[in-house]
C-alpha atoms as a PDB file:
ATOM      1  CA  MET A   1       8.242  -5.572  39.543  1.00  0.00           C
ATOM      2  CA  THR A   2       9.363  -7.885  36.743  1.00  0.00           C
ATOM      3  CA  ALA A   3       7.514  -8.380  33.448  1.00  0.00           C
ATOM      4  CA  THR A   4       7.495 -11.220  30.919  1.00  0.00           C
ATOM      5  CA  LEU A   5       6.866 -10.900  27.193  1.00  0.00           C
ATOM      6  CA  ILE A   6       4.882 -13.795  25.703  1.00  0.00           C
ATOM      7  CA  THR A   7       3.825 -14.806  22.219  1.00  0.00           C
ATOM      8  CA  THR A   8       2.811 -17.852  20.221  1.00  0.00           C
ATOM      9  CA  VAL A   9       4.160 -18.977  16.841  1.00  0.00           C
ATOM     10  CA  TYR A  10       3.287 -21.419  14.101  1.00  0.00           C
ATOM     11  CA  ASN A  11       5.215 -21.618  10.833  1.00  0.00           C
ATOM     12  CA  GLU A  12       6.605 -18.078  11.118  1.00  0.00           C
ATOM     13  CA  GLU A  13      10.004 -18.649   9.509  1.00  0.00           C
ATOM     14  CA  LYS A  14       9.525 -15.681   7.140  1.00  0.00           C
ATOM     15  CA  ASN A  15       8.781 -13.249   9.954  1.00  0.00           C
ATOM     16  CA  ILE A  16      10.337 -14.608  13.120  1.00  0.00           C
ATOM     17  CA  THR A  17      13.864 -13.189  12.837  1.00  0.00           C
ATOM     18  CA  ASP A  18      12.614  -9.621  12.289  1.00  0.00           C
ATOM     19  CA  PHE A  19      10.150 -10.030  15.137  1.00  0.00           C
ATOM     20  CA  LEU A  20      12.829 -11.274  17.531  1.00  0.00           C
ATOM     21  CA  ALA A  21      15.146  -8.480  16.433  1.00  0.00           C
ATOM     22  CA  SER A  22      12.451  -5.948  17.379  1.00  0.00           C
ATOM     23  CA  ILE A  23      12.369  -7.504  20.867  1.00  0.00           C
ATOM     24  CA  ALA A  24      16.153  -7.414  21.201  1.00  0.00           C
ATOM     25  CA  GLY A  25      16.103  -3.769  20.105  1.00  0.00           C
ATOM     26  CA  GLN A  26      13.762  -2.608  22.875  1.00  0.00           C
ATOM     27  CA  SER A  27      14.895   0.383  24.943  1.00  0.00           C
ATOM     28  CA  LYS A  28      13.855  -1.659  27.987  1.00  0.00           C
ATOM     29  CA  LEU A  29      14.247  -5.428  27.687  1.00  0.00           C
ATOM     30  CA  PRO A  30      11.716  -7.875  29.156  1.00  0.00           C
ATOM     31  CA  ASP A  31      12.900  -9.776  32.210  1.00  0.00           C
ATOM     32  CA  GLU A  32      12.182 -12.904  30.193  1.00  0.00           C
ATOM     33  CA  VAL A  33      10.610 -13.903  26.897  1.00  0.00           C
ATOM     34  CA  VAL A  34       8.373 -16.981  26.679  1.00  0.00           C
ATOM     35  CA  ILE A  35       7.441 -18.293  23.239  1.00  0.00           C
ATOM     36  CA  VAL A  36       5.146 -21.252  22.639  1.00  0.00           C
ATOM     37  CA  ASP A  37       5.545 -22.963  19.273  1.00  0.00           C
ATOM     38  CA  ALA A  38       2.412 -24.849  18.191  1.00  0.00           C
ATOM     39  CA  ALA A  39       4.501 -27.630  16.573  1.00  0.00           C
ATOM     40  CA  SER A  40       5.667 -25.665  13.522  1.00  0.00           C
ATOM     41  CA  THR A  41       6.532 -27.736  10.465  1.00  0.00           C
ATOM     42  CA  ASP A  42       9.010 -25.220   9.029  1.00  0.00           C
ATOM     43  CA  ARG A  43      12.253 -23.751  10.460  1.00  0.00           C
ATOM     44  CA  THR A  44      10.573 -21.519  13.040  1.00  0.00           C
ATOM     45  CA  TYR A  45      11.724 -23.510  16.074  1.00  0.00           C
ATOM     46  CA  ALA A  46      15.318 -23.716  14.848  1.00  0.00           C
ATOM     47  CA  LEU A  47      15.470 -20.004  14.023  1.00  0.00           C
ATOM     48  CA  ILE A  48      14.225 -19.084  17.491  1.00  0.00           C
ATOM     49  CA  THR A  49      16.737 -21.438  19.088  1.00  0.00           C
ATOM     50  CA  ASP A  50      19.592 -19.897  17.092  1.00  0.00           C
ATOM     51  CA  PHE A  51      18.481 -16.348  17.932  1.00  0.00           C
ATOM     52  CA  SER A  52      18.184 -17.213  21.609  1.00  0.00           C
ATOM     53  CA  ALA A  53      21.743 -18.534  21.660  1.00  0.00           C
ATOM     54  CA  MET A  54      23.011 -15.245  20.200  1.00  0.00           C
ATOM     55  CA  HIS A  55      20.947 -13.126  22.624  1.00  0.00           C
ATOM     56  CA  PRO A  56      21.204 -14.591  26.127  1.00  0.00           C
ATOM     57  CA  GLU A  57      20.129 -11.220  27.558  1.00  0.00           C
ATOM     58  CA  LEU A  58      16.555 -12.020  26.463  1.00  0.00           C
ATOM     59  CA  HIS A  59      16.320 -15.036  28.814  1.00  0.00           C
ATOM     60  CA  LEU A  60      14.210 -16.658  26.109  1.00  0.00           C
ATOM     61  CA  LYS A  61      12.226 -19.739  27.008  1.00  0.00           C
ATOM     62  CA  LEU A  62      10.923 -21.761  24.041  1.00  0.00           C
ATOM     63  CA  ILE A  63       8.173 -24.326  24.575  1.00  0.00           C
ATOM     64  CA  LYS A  64       6.704 -26.643  21.960  1.00  0.00           C
ATOM     65  CA  LYS A  65       3.016 -27.430  22.512  1.00  0.00           C
ATOM     66  CA  ALA A  66       0.409 -28.183  19.858  1.00  0.00           C
ATOM     67  CA  GLY A  67      -2.832 -26.234  20.107  1.00  0.00           C
ATOM     68  CA  ASN A  68      -4.542 -22.989  19.186  1.00  0.00           C
ATOM     69  CA  ARG A  69      -3.407 -19.505  20.255  1.00  0.00           C
ATOM     70  CA  SER A  70      -5.421 -19.683  23.482  1.00  0.00           C
ATOM     71  CA  VAL A  71      -3.621 -22.866  24.498  1.00  0.00           C
ATOM     72  CA  GLY A  72      -0.287 -21.306  23.577  1.00  0.00           C
ATOM     73  CA  ARG A  73      -0.858 -18.073  25.493  1.00  0.00           C
ATOM     74  CA  ASN A  74      -2.118 -19.827  28.613  1.00  0.00           C
ATOM     75  CA  THR A  75       0.867 -22.163  28.471  1.00  0.00           C
ATOM     76  CA  ALA A  76       3.275 -19.229  28.112  1.00  0.00           C
ATOM     77  CA  ILE A  77       1.723 -17.422  31.083  1.00  0.00           C
ATOM     78  CA  LEU A  78       1.807 -20.519  33.268  1.00  0.00           C
ATOM     79  CA  ASN A  79       5.505 -20.918  32.474  1.00  0.00           C
ATOM     80  CA  SER A  80       6.390 -17.272  33.120  1.00  0.00           C
ATOM     81  CA  LEU A  81       8.052 -16.105  36.313  1.00  0.00           C
ATOM     82  CA  SER A  82       6.777 -12.521  36.419  1.00  0.00           C
ATOM     83  CA  PRO A  83       3.593 -11.019  37.885  1.00  0.00           C
ATOM     84  CA  ILE A  84       3.208  -8.791  34.792  1.00  0.00           C
ATOM     85  CA  ILE A  85       2.541 -10.254  31.332  1.00  0.00           C
ATOM     86  CA  ALA A  86       3.037  -8.311  28.098  1.00  0.00           C
ATOM     87  CA  CYS A  87       1.552  -9.974  25.030  1.00  0.00           C
ATOM     88  CA  THR A  88       2.006  -9.452  21.306  1.00  0.00           C
ATOM     89  CA  ASP A  89       1.851 -11.415  18.036  1.00  0.00           C
ATOM     90  CA  ALA A  90       4.828 -12.781  16.124  1.00  0.00           C
ATOM     91  CA  GLY A  91       3.639 -11.146  12.912  1.00  0.00           C
ATOM     92  CA  CYS A  92       4.157  -7.689  14.443  1.00  0.00           C
ATOM     93  CA  ARG A  93       7.144  -5.390  14.752  1.00  0.00           C
ATOM     94  CA  LEU A  94       7.536  -3.630  18.080  1.00  0.00           C
ATOM     95  CA  ASP A  95       8.419   0.057  18.279  1.00  0.00           C
ATOM     96  CA  LYS A  96      11.624   0.394  20.280  1.00  0.00           C
ATOM     97  CA  ASP A  97       9.834   1.824  23.344  1.00  0.00           C
ATOM     98  CA  TRP A  98       6.872  -0.536  23.206  1.00  0.00           C
ATOM     99  CA  PHE A  99       7.808  -2.733  26.171  1.00  0.00           C
ATOM    100  CA  ARG A 100       8.772   0.252  28.313  1.00  0.00           C
ATOM    101  CA  ASN A 101       5.512   2.051  27.543  1.00  0.00           C
ATOM    102  CA  ILE A 102       3.221  -0.977  27.878  1.00  0.00           C
ATOM    103  CA  THR A 103       4.601  -1.829  31.341  1.00  0.00           C
ATOM    104  CA  ARG A 104       5.182   1.672  32.781  1.00  0.00           C
ATOM    105  CA  PRO A 105       1.590   2.163  34.092  1.00  0.00           C
ATOM    106  CA  PHE A 106       2.033  -0.802  36.452  1.00  0.00           C
ATOM    107  CA  GLU A 107       4.744   1.062  38.369  1.00  0.00           C
ATOM    108  CA  SER A 108       2.134   3.243  40.096  1.00  0.00           C
ATOM    109  CA  GLY A 109       0.161   0.202  41.248  1.00  0.00           C
ATOM    110  CA  ASN A 110      -3.048   1.643  39.767  1.00  0.00           C
ATOM    111  CA  ALA A 111      -3.255  -0.517  36.638  1.00  0.00           C
ATOM    112  CA  GLU A 112      -4.205  -4.140  36.132  1.00  0.00           C
ATOM    113  CA  VAL A 113      -4.582  -3.998  32.344  1.00  0.00           C
ATOM    114  CA  VAL A 114      -2.721  -1.769  29.901  1.00  0.00           C
ATOM    115  CA  SER A 115      -4.142  -1.502  26.397  1.00  0.00           C
ATOM    116  CA  GLY A 116      -1.474  -0.693  23.830  1.00  0.00           C
ATOM    117  CA  TRP A 117      -1.944   0.454  20.263  1.00  0.00           C
ATOM    118  CA  TYR A 118      -1.237  -1.072  16.844  1.00  0.00           C
ATOM    119  CA  GLU A 119      -0.590   0.574  13.504  1.00  0.00           C
ATOM    120  CA  THR A 120      -0.855  -0.972  10.072  1.00  0.00           C
ATOM    121  CA  VAL A 121       2.211  -1.100   7.838  1.00  0.00           C
ATOM    122  CA  LYS A 122       1.492   1.002   4.750  1.00  0.00           C
ATOM    123  CA  ASN A 123       3.695  -0.066   1.840  1.00  0.00           C
ATOM    124  CA  ASN A 124       1.306   0.641  -1.048  1.00  0.00           C
ATOM    125  CA  SER A 125      -2.139   1.951  -2.002  1.00  0.00           C
ATOM    126  CA  TRP A 126      -3.782  -1.350  -0.997  1.00  0.00           C
ATOM    127  CA  ASP A 127      -2.413  -1.028   2.555  1.00  0.00           C
ATOM    128  CA  ILE A 128      -3.362   2.653   2.839  1.00  0.00           C
ATOM    129  CA  SER A 129      -6.946   2.165   1.656  1.00  0.00           C
ATOM    130  CA  LEU A 130      -7.486  -0.969   3.777  1.00  0.00           C
ATOM    131  CA  SER A 131      -6.216   0.912   6.837  1.00  0.00           C
ATOM    132  CA  LYS A 132      -9.000   3.432   6.238  1.00  0.00           C
ATOM    133  CA  VAL A 133     -11.573   0.684   5.771  1.00  0.00           C
ATOM    134  CA  LEU A 134     -10.515  -0.961   9.045  1.00  0.00           C
ATOM    135  CA  ASN A 135     -10.631   2.511  10.633  1.00  0.00           C
ATOM    136  CA  PHE A 136      -7.638   2.138  12.957  1.00  0.00           C
ATOM    137  CA  SER A 137      -7.018   5.366  14.824  1.00  0.00           C
ATOM    138  CA  PRO A 138      -6.262   6.054  18.492  1.00  0.00           C
ATOM    139  CA  LYS A 139      -8.507   9.122  18.137  1.00  0.00           C
ATOM    140  CA  ASN A 140     -11.491   6.741  18.043  1.00  0.00           C
ATOM    141  CA  VAL A 141     -10.548   4.993  21.298  1.00  0.00           C
ATOM    142  CA  ARG A 142     -12.652   5.337  24.436  1.00  0.00           C
ATOM    143  CA  PRO A 143     -10.282   3.973  27.114  1.00  0.00           C
ATOM    144  CA  GLU A 144     -13.073   2.871  29.438  1.00  0.00           C
ATOM    145  CA  SER A 145     -14.640   0.567  26.831  1.00  0.00           C
ATOM    146  CA  PHE A 146     -11.757  -0.168  24.428  1.00  0.00           C
ATOM    147  CA  LEU A 147     -11.182  -3.882  23.830  1.00  0.00           C
ATOM    148  CA  PRO A 148      -7.416  -4.351  23.563  1.00  0.00           C
ATOM    149  CA  SER A 149      -5.947  -6.735  21.018  1.00  0.00           C
ATOM    150  CA  THR A 150      -3.384  -9.366  21.916  1.00  0.00           C
ATOM    151  CA  ARG A 151      -1.130  -7.584  19.437  1.00  0.00           C
ATOM    152  CA  SER A 152      -0.480  -5.008  22.147  1.00  0.00           C
ATOM    153  CA  ILE A 153      -1.621  -5.632  25.708  1.00  0.00           C
ATOM    154  CA  ALA A 154      -0.208  -6.144  29.193  1.00  0.00           C
ATOM    155  CA  PHE A 155      -1.949  -7.418  32.308  1.00  0.00           C
ATOM    156  CA  THR A 156      -1.263  -8.863  35.725  1.00  0.00           C
ATOM    157  CA  LYS A 157      -1.299 -12.590  36.263  1.00  0.00           C
ATOM    158  CA  THR A 158      -3.878 -12.002  38.974  1.00  0.00           C
ATOM    159  CA  VAL A 159      -6.424 -10.429  36.624  1.00  0.00           C
ATOM    160  CA  TRP A 160      -5.669 -13.102  33.992  1.00  0.00           C
ATOM    161  CA  GLU A 161      -6.703 -15.698  36.582  1.00  0.00           C
ATOM    162  CA  LYS A 162      -9.823 -13.709  37.529  1.00  0.00           C
ATOM    163  CA  ALA A 163     -10.818 -13.576  33.854  1.00  0.00           C
ATOM    164  CA  GLY A 164     -10.390 -17.340  33.548  1.00  0.00           C
ATOM    165  CA  GLY A 165      -7.484 -17.094  31.118  1.00  0.00           C
ATOM    166  CA  PHE A 166      -7.900 -17.409  27.385  1.00  0.00           C
ATOM    167  CA  ASP A 167     -10.798 -19.668  26.411  1.00  0.00           C
ATOM    168  CA  GLU A 168      -9.068 -22.678  24.876  1.00  0.00           C
ATOM    169  CA  ARG A 169     -12.202 -23.661  22.972  1.00  0.00           C
ATOM    170  CA  LEU A 170     -11.809 -20.578  20.782  1.00  0.00           C
ATOM    171  CA  SER A 171      -9.435 -20.659  17.827  1.00  0.00           C
ATOM    172  CA  HIS A 172     -10.456 -17.588  15.833  1.00  0.00           C
ATOM    173  CA  ASN A 173     -11.209 -14.572  18.054  1.00  0.00           C
ATOM    174  CA  GLU A 174      -9.889 -15.517  21.483  1.00  0.00           C
ATOM    175  CA  ASP A 175      -8.664 -12.015  22.333  1.00  0.00           C
ATOM    176  CA  THR A 176     -12.132 -10.383  22.165  1.00  0.00           C
ATOM    177  CA  PRO A 177     -13.850 -12.668  24.729  1.00  0.00           C
ATOM    178  CA  PHE A 178     -10.731 -12.423  26.914  1.00  0.00           C
ATOM    179  CA  ALA A 179     -10.827  -8.613  26.763  1.00  0.00           C
ATOM    180  CA  LEU A 180     -14.528  -8.658  27.681  1.00  0.00           C
ATOM    181  CA  GLU A 181     -13.770 -10.875  30.691  1.00  0.00           C
ATOM    182  CA  LEU A 182     -10.981  -8.514  31.717  1.00  0.00           C
ATOM    183  CA  HIS A 183     -13.475  -5.642  31.737  1.00  0.00           C
ATOM    184  CA  LYS A 184     -15.748  -7.726  33.979  1.00  0.00           C
ATOM    185  CA  SER A 185     -12.829  -8.553  36.294  1.00  0.00           C
ATOM    186  CA  THR A 186     -11.396  -5.075  36.820  1.00  0.00           C
ATOM    187  CA  SER A 187     -11.970  -1.402  36.094  1.00  0.00           C
ATOM    188  CA  ARG A 188      -8.267  -0.571  36.381  1.00  0.00           C
ATOM    189  CA  PHE A 189      -7.596  -0.159  32.665  1.00  0.00           C
ATOM    190  CA  VAL A 190      -5.027   2.228  31.214  1.00  0.00           C
ATOM    191  CA  PHE A 191      -4.754   3.112  27.528  1.00  0.00           C
ATOM    192  CA  ALA A 192      -1.126   3.568  26.422  1.00  0.00           C
ATOM    193  CA  SER A 193      -1.310   5.141  22.970  1.00  0.00           C
ATOM    194  CA  ASP A 194       2.500   5.287  22.851  1.00  0.00           C
ATOM    195  CA  ALA A 195       2.877   1.495  23.214  1.00  0.00           C
ATOM    196  CA  VAL A 196       2.764   0.769  19.486  1.00  0.00           C
ATOM    197  CA  VAL A 197       3.292  -2.359  17.421  1.00  0.00           C
ATOM    198  CA  ARG A 198       3.035  -2.479  13.637  1.00  0.00           C
ATOM    199  CA  TRP A 199       1.338  -5.253  11.687  1.00  0.00           C
ATOM    200  CA  HIS A 200       0.738  -6.170   8.066  1.00  0.00           C
ATOM    201  CA  VAL A 201      -2.844  -6.131   6.807  1.00  0.00           C
ATOM    202  CA  PRO A 202      -4.052  -9.011   4.577  1.00  0.00           C
ATOM    203  CA  HIS A 203      -2.401  -8.469   1.205  1.00  0.00           C
ATOM    204  CA  ASN A 204      -5.207  -9.429  -1.200  1.00  0.00           C
ATOM    205  CA  TYR A 205      -8.953 -10.037  -1.367  1.00  0.00           C
ATOM    206  CA  SER A 206      -8.834 -13.760  -0.594  1.00  0.00           C
ATOM    207  CA  THR A 207      -6.643 -13.397   2.510  1.00  0.00           C
ATOM    208  CA  LEU A 208      -8.746 -10.421   3.625  1.00  0.00           C
ATOM    209  CA  TYR A 209     -11.930 -12.473   3.281  1.00  0.00           C
ATOM    210  CA  ARG A 210     -10.487 -15.443   5.176  1.00  0.00           C
ATOM    211  CA  SER A 211      -9.119 -13.235   7.955  1.00  0.00           C
ATOM    212  CA  ILE A 212     -12.387 -11.361   8.551  1.00  0.00           C
ATOM    213  CA  TYR A 213     -14.425 -14.559   8.149  1.00  0.00           C
ATOM    214  CA  ARG A 214     -12.455 -16.281  10.924  1.00  0.00           C
ATOM    215  CA  TYR A 215     -12.928 -13.372  13.335  1.00  0.00           C
ATOM    216  CA  ALA A 216     -16.655 -13.186  12.568  1.00  0.00           C
ATOM    217  CA  LEU A 217     -16.965 -16.964  12.920  1.00  0.00           C
ATOM    218  CA  GLY A 218     -15.321 -16.779  16.336  1.00  0.00           C
ATOM    219  CA  ASP A 219     -17.549 -13.888  17.395  1.00  0.00           C
ATOM    220  CA  GLY A 220     -20.647 -15.840  16.417  1.00  0.00           C
ATOM    221  CA  GLN A 221     -19.439 -18.984  18.188  1.00  0.00           C
ATOM    222  CA  SER A 222     -18.579 -17.130  21.393  1.00  0.00           C
ATOM    223  CA  GLY A 223     -21.645 -14.884  21.405  1.00  0.00           C
ATOM    224  CA  VAL A 224     -19.806 -11.608  20.890  1.00  0.00           C
ATOM    225  CA  TYR A 225     -22.471  -9.297  19.480  1.00  0.00           C
ATOM    226  CA  SER A 226     -20.490  -6.115  18.970  1.00  0.00           C
ATOM    227  CA  SER A 227     -21.893  -2.953  17.412  1.00  0.00           C
ATOM    228  CA  GLN A 228     -20.412  -3.819  14.005  1.00  0.00           C
ATOM    229  CA  TYR A 229     -22.832  -6.734  13.656  1.00  0.00           C
ATOM    230  CA  TRP A 230     -25.850  -4.615  14.585  1.00  0.00           C
ATOM    231  CA  ILE A 231     -24.737  -2.045  11.998  1.00  0.00           C
ATOM    232  CA  LEU A 232     -24.292  -4.849   9.468  1.00  0.00           C
ATOM    233  CA  LEU A 233     -27.747  -6.236  10.267  1.00  0.00           C
ATOM    234  CA  SER A 234     -29.275  -2.764   9.871  1.00  0.00           C
ATOM    235  CA  PHE A 235     -27.537  -2.403   6.502  1.00  0.00           C
ATOM    236  CA  TRP A 236     -28.984  -5.670   5.184  1.00  0.00           C
ATOM    237  CA  LEU A 237     -32.468  -4.961   6.573  1.00  0.00           C
ATOM    238  CA  MET A 238     -32.565  -1.471   5.041  1.00  0.00           C
ATOM    239  CA  LEU A 239     -31.274  -2.793   1.717  1.00  0.00           C
ATOM    240  CA  ILE A 240     -33.845  -5.622   1.616  1.00  0.00           C
ATOM    241  CA  ALA A 241     -36.616  -3.185   2.559  1.00  0.00           C
ATOM    242  CA  CYS A 242     -35.608  -0.748  -0.196  1.00  0.00           C
ATOM    243  CA  LEU A 243     -35.449  -3.506  -2.804  1.00  0.00           C
ATOM    244  CA  SER A 244     -38.831  -4.905  -1.756  1.00  0.00           C
ATOM    245  CA  ILE A 245     -40.655  -1.570  -1.577  1.00  0.00           C
ATOM    246  CA  GLY A 246     -38.986  -0.574  -4.828  1.00  0.00           C
ATOM    247  CA  PHE A 247     -41.286  -2.829  -6.858  1.00  0.00           C
ATOM    248  CA  PRO A 248     -44.363  -0.644  -6.296  1.00  0.00           C
ATOM    249  CA  ILE A 249     -42.388   2.558  -5.570  1.00  0.00           C
ATOM    250  CA  HIS A 250     -39.338   2.700  -7.856  1.00  0.00           C
ATOM    251  CA  ALA A 251     -37.794   5.630  -5.976  1.00  0.00           C
ATOM    252  CA  PHE A 252     -36.847   3.233  -3.179  1.00  0.00           C
ATOM    253  CA  TRP A 253     -34.446   1.452  -5.522  1.00  0.00           C
ATOM    254  CA  ILE A 254     -32.547   4.707  -5.858  1.00  0.00           C
ATOM    255  CA  PHE A 255     -32.608   5.034  -2.072  1.00  0.00           C
ATOM    256  CA  GLY A 256     -31.172   1.498  -1.831  1.00  0.00           C
ATOM    257  CA  ILE A 257     -28.338   2.404  -4.199  1.00  0.00           C
ATOM    258  CA  ILE A 258     -27.562   5.460  -2.062  1.00  0.00           C
ATOM    259  CA  ILE A 259     -27.443   3.261   1.070  1.00  0.00           C
ATOM    260  CA  VAL A 260     -25.031   0.819  -0.580  1.00  0.00           C
ATOM    261  CA  LEU A 261     -22.733   3.510  -1.954  1.00  0.00           C
ATOM    262  CA  GLY A 262     -22.809   5.436   1.332  1.00  0.00           C
ATOM    263  CA  TYR A 263     -21.868   2.346   3.335  1.00  0.00           C
ATOM    264  CA  LEU A 264     -19.132   1.287   0.915  1.00  0.00           C
ATOM    265  CA  TYR A 265     -17.589   4.760   0.785  1.00  0.00           C
ATOM    266  CA  LEU A 266     -17.997   5.437   4.507  1.00  0.00           C
ATOM    267  CA  PRO A 267     -14.217   5.047   5.087  1.00  0.00           C
ATOM    268  CA  VAL A 268     -13.585   7.902   2.637  1.00  0.00           C
ATOM    269  CA  ILE A 269     -16.104  10.086   4.458  1.00  0.00           C
ATOM    270  CA  GLN A 270     -14.534   9.275   7.834  1.00  0.00           C
ATOM    271  CA  ALA A 271     -10.975   9.846   6.613  1.00  0.00           C
ATOM    272  CA  LYS A 272     -12.035  13.083   4.861  1.00  0.00           C
ATOM    273  CA  ARG A 273      -9.356  12.619   2.218  1.00  0.00           C
ATOM    274  CA  LEU A 274      -8.090  10.401  -0.589  1.00  0.00           C
ATOM    275  CA  ASP A 275      -4.408   9.513  -0.854  1.00  0.00           C
ATOM    276  CA  SER A 276      -4.724   8.217  -4.407  1.00  0.00           C
ATOM    277  CA  VAL A 277      -7.336   7.831  -7.108  1.00  0.00           C
ATOM    278  CA  HIS A 278      -6.979   4.038  -6.744  1.00  0.00           C
ATOM    279  CA  GLU A 279      -8.832   4.282  -3.446  1.00  0.00           C
ATOM    280  CA  LEU A 280     -12.057   5.145  -5.283  1.00  0.00           C
ATOM    281  CA  LEU A 281     -12.061   1.538  -6.513  1.00  0.00           C
ATOM    282  CA  LEU A 282     -10.113  -0.223  -3.755  1.00  0.00           C
ATOM    283  CA  ILE A 283     -12.089   1.055  -0.772  1.00  0.00           C
ATOM    284  CA  PRO A 284     -15.576  -0.085  -1.910  1.00  0.00           C
ATOM    285  CA  LEU A 285     -14.237  -3.465  -3.055  1.00  0.00           C
ATOM    286  CA  GLN A 286     -12.378  -3.993   0.226  1.00  0.00           C
ATOM    287  CA  LYS A 287     -15.426  -2.862   2.194  1.00  0.00           C
ATOM    288  CA  CYS A 288     -17.658  -5.215   0.202  1.00  0.00           C
ATOM    289  CA  THR A 289     -15.262  -8.113   0.882  1.00  0.00           C
ATOM    290  CA  ILE A 290     -15.416  -7.371   4.618  1.00  0.00           C
ATOM    291  CA  ILE A 291     -19.224  -7.100   4.585  1.00  0.00           C
ATOM    292  CA  LEU A 292     -19.594 -10.501   2.906  1.00  0.00           C
ATOM    293  CA  ALA A 293     -16.991 -12.141   5.169  1.00  0.00           C
ATOM    294  CA  ASN A 294     -18.542 -10.707   8.339  1.00  0.00           C
ATOM    295  CA  THR A 295     -22.005 -11.819   7.261  1.00  0.00           C
ATOM    296  CA  ALA A 296     -21.007 -15.356   6.263  1.00  0.00           C
ATOM    297  CA  GLY A 297     -18.680 -15.897   9.215  1.00  0.00           C
ATOM    298  CA  PHE A 298     -21.053 -14.566  11.871  1.00  0.00           C
ATOM    299  CA  ILE A 299     -24.028 -16.565  10.580  1.00  0.00           C
ATOM    300  CA  LYS A 300     -21.911 -19.728  10.475  1.00  0.00           C
ATOM    301  CA  GLY A 301     -20.747 -18.988  14.019  1.00  0.00           C
ATOM    302  CA  LEU A 302     -24.307 -18.607  15.292  1.00  0.00           C
ATOM    303  CA  PHE A 303     -25.097 -22.105  14.047  1.00  0.00           C
ATOM    304  CA  THR A 304     -21.911 -23.629  15.508  1.00  0.00           C
ATOM    305  CA  LYS A 305     -21.988 -21.996  18.943  1.00  0.00           C
ATOM    306  CA  ILE A 306     -19.453 -23.214  21.506  1.00  0.00           C
END
């Protein structure tokens, strides 16, 4: 059974060569690679073309089509020749056995969706602390309910069709609604913790805010009410209640401060360790940035529902 690797790109000239090299370095090569370029304005298209010419073994098919990631992924799948689709993002680096491990479960005929894993690249204290804040760990995964990311996922064309493909109206969080539809379409999910890609977290507060805001905006627009938003709502309600009751009963202001500090330092409690003293400042500031972005993005999404 053949398998195609797909991805979408837009202005990725800084990353694309390393990404393509990680594909060419796979212990098992895809039967074909389909890349959809959303009309990049930099050298992305040319760099892919040059790389393809030097690596004919990849059977790389490059398509130019303007649109969001949903449009690009659906286009790539429609132009693929294989019944199995492996999907990742161009900003990632694939471990050398990623393609082998993400497609192996299909060999038994018992899988329709394989959820891979993704690790953050940790170059400095910012990356390490933000990884804790985002709480990425395969130990936290419940395979039966895990929502795979398009950074690391494989599925059959048949179940992609059952799920209705990627919703082309969504430009910010298309992988979450697609994963939810996959769960409605089949129960034959496999979690492959050894199918790992590595990605770079946002590198400063402004890019972190924009990144989280876009995801939250998309969740609000598409009606994805995950547990994180209920937790966030509970946080705000408890904080408002403590501040309000604190006027007649001052002790509640102290309780409110404890709630805030507990929520901001929750990643430290979950990780059960500090890797540097910088994390005592970085983690609460990063957590606060995420709280504000999630709140603003989700509320905006609720008022601009698709």
